[in-house]
Amino acid sequence: MIVMLLHKLPTFTLTDLKGEPFSTDDLLGKKTLIFMWASW
């Protein structure tokens, strides 16, 4: 488990499930948990 608190998230944009763009800039000032998972 890796826990990183108070680190700045790089700015990037993805498409949400509705097809709308979503930017990490939208998360500024909000408590956020980002969970990334990969199957090798």
N, C-alpha and C. Protein backbone atom coordinates (compact mmCIF):
# COMPACT_ATOMS: atom_id res chain seq x y z
N MET A 1 0.85 -1.17 0.00
CA MET A 1 0.00 0.00 0.00
C MET A 1 0.89 1.23 0.00
N ILE A 2 0.57 2.16 -0.86
CA ILE A 2 1.29 3.43 -0.91
C ILE A 2 0.30 4.54 -0.59
N VAL A 3 0.64 5.36 0.37
CA VAL A 3 -0.22 6.48 0.75
C VAL A 3 0.56 7.75 0.53
N MET A 4 0.00 8.65 -0.27
CA MET A 4 0.64 9.94 -0.52
C MET A 4 -0.36 11.02 -0.17
N LEU A 5 -0.02 11.82 0.80
CA LEU A 5 -0.90 12.90 1.22
C LEU A 5 -0.28 14.24 0.84
N LEU A 6 -1.12 15.16 0.47
CA LEU A 6 -0.72 16.53 0.18
C LEU A 6 0.26 16.64 -0.98
N HIS A 7 0.21 15.70 -1.93
CA HIS A 7 1.02 15.80 -3.13
C HIS A 7 0.15 16.41 -4.24
N LYS A 8 0.76 17.20 -5.11
CA LYS A 8 0.02 17.82 -6.20
C LYS A 8 -0.19 16.80 -7.32
N LEU A 9 -1.43 16.66 -7.74
CA LEU A 9 -1.78 15.76 -8.82
C LEU A 9 -1.48 16.44 -10.15
N PRO A 10 -0.80 15.75 -11.06
CA PRO A 10 -0.55 16.35 -12.38
C PRO A 10 -1.88 16.62 -13.10
N THR A 11 -1.89 17.63 -13.94
CA THR A 11 -3.09 17.97 -14.69
C THR A 11 -3.22 17.05 -15.90
N PHE A 12 -4.36 16.38 -16.02
CA PHE A 12 -4.67 15.61 -17.21
C PHE A 12 -6.18 15.54 -17.36
N THR A 13 -6.63 15.23 -18.57
CA THR A 13 -8.05 15.18 -18.87
C THR A 13 -8.42 13.80 -19.40
N LEU A 14 -9.52 13.26 -18.90
CA LEU A 14 -10.05 11.97 -19.34
C LEU A 14 -11.51 12.16 -19.74
N THR A 15 -12.10 11.13 -20.31
CA THR A 15 -13.52 11.16 -20.65
C THR A 15 -14.28 10.36 -19.61
N ASP A 16 -15.36 10.95 -19.06
CA ASP A 16 -16.15 10.23 -18.06
C ASP A 16 -17.11 9.25 -18.73
N LEU A 17 -17.91 8.57 -17.95
CA LEU A 17 -18.82 7.54 -18.48
C LEU A 17 -19.91 8.11 -19.37
N LYS A 18 -20.16 9.42 -19.27
CA LYS A 18 -21.17 10.08 -20.11
C LYS A 18 -20.56 10.63 -21.40
N GLY A 19 -19.24 10.47 -21.56
CA GLY A 19 -18.56 10.99 -22.74
C GLY A 19 -18.11 12.43 -22.60
N GLU A 20 -18.25 12.99 -21.40
CA GLU A 20 -17.86 14.37 -21.14
C GLU A 20 -16.41 14.42 -20.66
N PRO A 21 -15.67 15.48 -21.03
CA PRO A 21 -14.30 15.60 -20.53
C PRO A 21 -14.27 15.87 -19.03
N PHE A 22 -13.30 15.29 -18.37
CA PHE A 22 -13.10 15.46 -16.94
C PHE A 22 -11.64 15.77 -16.71
N SER A 23 -11.35 16.86 -16.03
CA SER A 23 -9.98 17.28 -15.77
C SER A 23 -9.65 17.16 -14.29
N THR A 24 -8.41 16.83 -14.00
CA THR A 24 -7.99 16.76 -12.61
C THR A 24 -8.03 18.15 -11.96
N ASP A 25 -8.05 19.19 -12.76
CA ASP A 25 -8.18 20.54 -12.20
C ASP A 25 -9.53 20.72 -11.51
N ASP A 26 -10.53 19.91 -11.89
CA ASP A 26 -11.85 19.98 -11.25
C ASP A 26 -11.80 19.51 -9.80
N LEU A 27 -10.72 18.87 -9.41
CA LEU A 27 -10.60 18.31 -8.05
C LEU A 27 -9.89 19.25 -7.08
N LEU A 28 -9.40 20.37 -7.57
CA LEU A 28 -8.66 21.29 -6.70
C LEU A 28 -9.52 21.72 -5.52
N GLY A 29 -8.98 21.62 -4.33
CA GLY A 29 -9.68 22.03 -3.12
C GLY A 29 -10.62 20.97 -2.56
N LYS A 30 -10.67 19.80 -3.20
CA LYS A 30 -11.56 18.73 -2.73
C LYS A 30 -10.73 17.55 -2.24
N LYS A 31 -11.22 16.87 -1.23
CA LYS A 31 -10.57 15.64 -0.77
C LYS A 31 -10.86 14.57 -1.80
N THR A 32 -9.80 13.89 -2.25
CA THR A 32 -9.96 12.95 -3.35
C THR A 32 -9.17 11.68 -3.09
N LEU A 33 -9.77 10.56 -3.38
CA LEU A 33 -9.10 9.27 -3.33
C LEU A 33 -9.03 8.75 -4.76
N ILE A 34 -7.83 8.47 -5.23
CA ILE A 34 -7.66 7.93 -6.57
C ILE A 34 -7.13 6.52 -6.43
N PHE A 35 -7.86 5.58 -6.98
CA PHE A 35 -7.50 4.17 -6.91
C PHE A 35 -7.19 3.71 -8.33
N MET A 36 -5.97 3.27 -8.55
CA MET A 36 -5.58 2.77 -9.87
C MET A 36 -5.25 1.29 -9.74
N TRP A 37 -5.74 0.51 -10.68
CA TRP A 37 -5.56 -0.92 -10.62
C TRP A 37 -5.18 -1.41 -12.02
N ALA A 38 -4.31 -2.37 -12.07
CA ALA A 38 -3.93 -2.97 -13.35
C ALA A 38 -3.74 -4.46 -13.16
N SER A 39 -4.10 -5.20 -14.17
CA SER A 39 -3.88 -6.64 -14.16
C SER A 39 -2.81 -6.95 -15.19
N TRP A 40 -1.73 -7.51 -14.75
CA TRP A 40 -0.63 -7.83 -15.65
C TRP A 40 -0.79 -9.23 -16.09
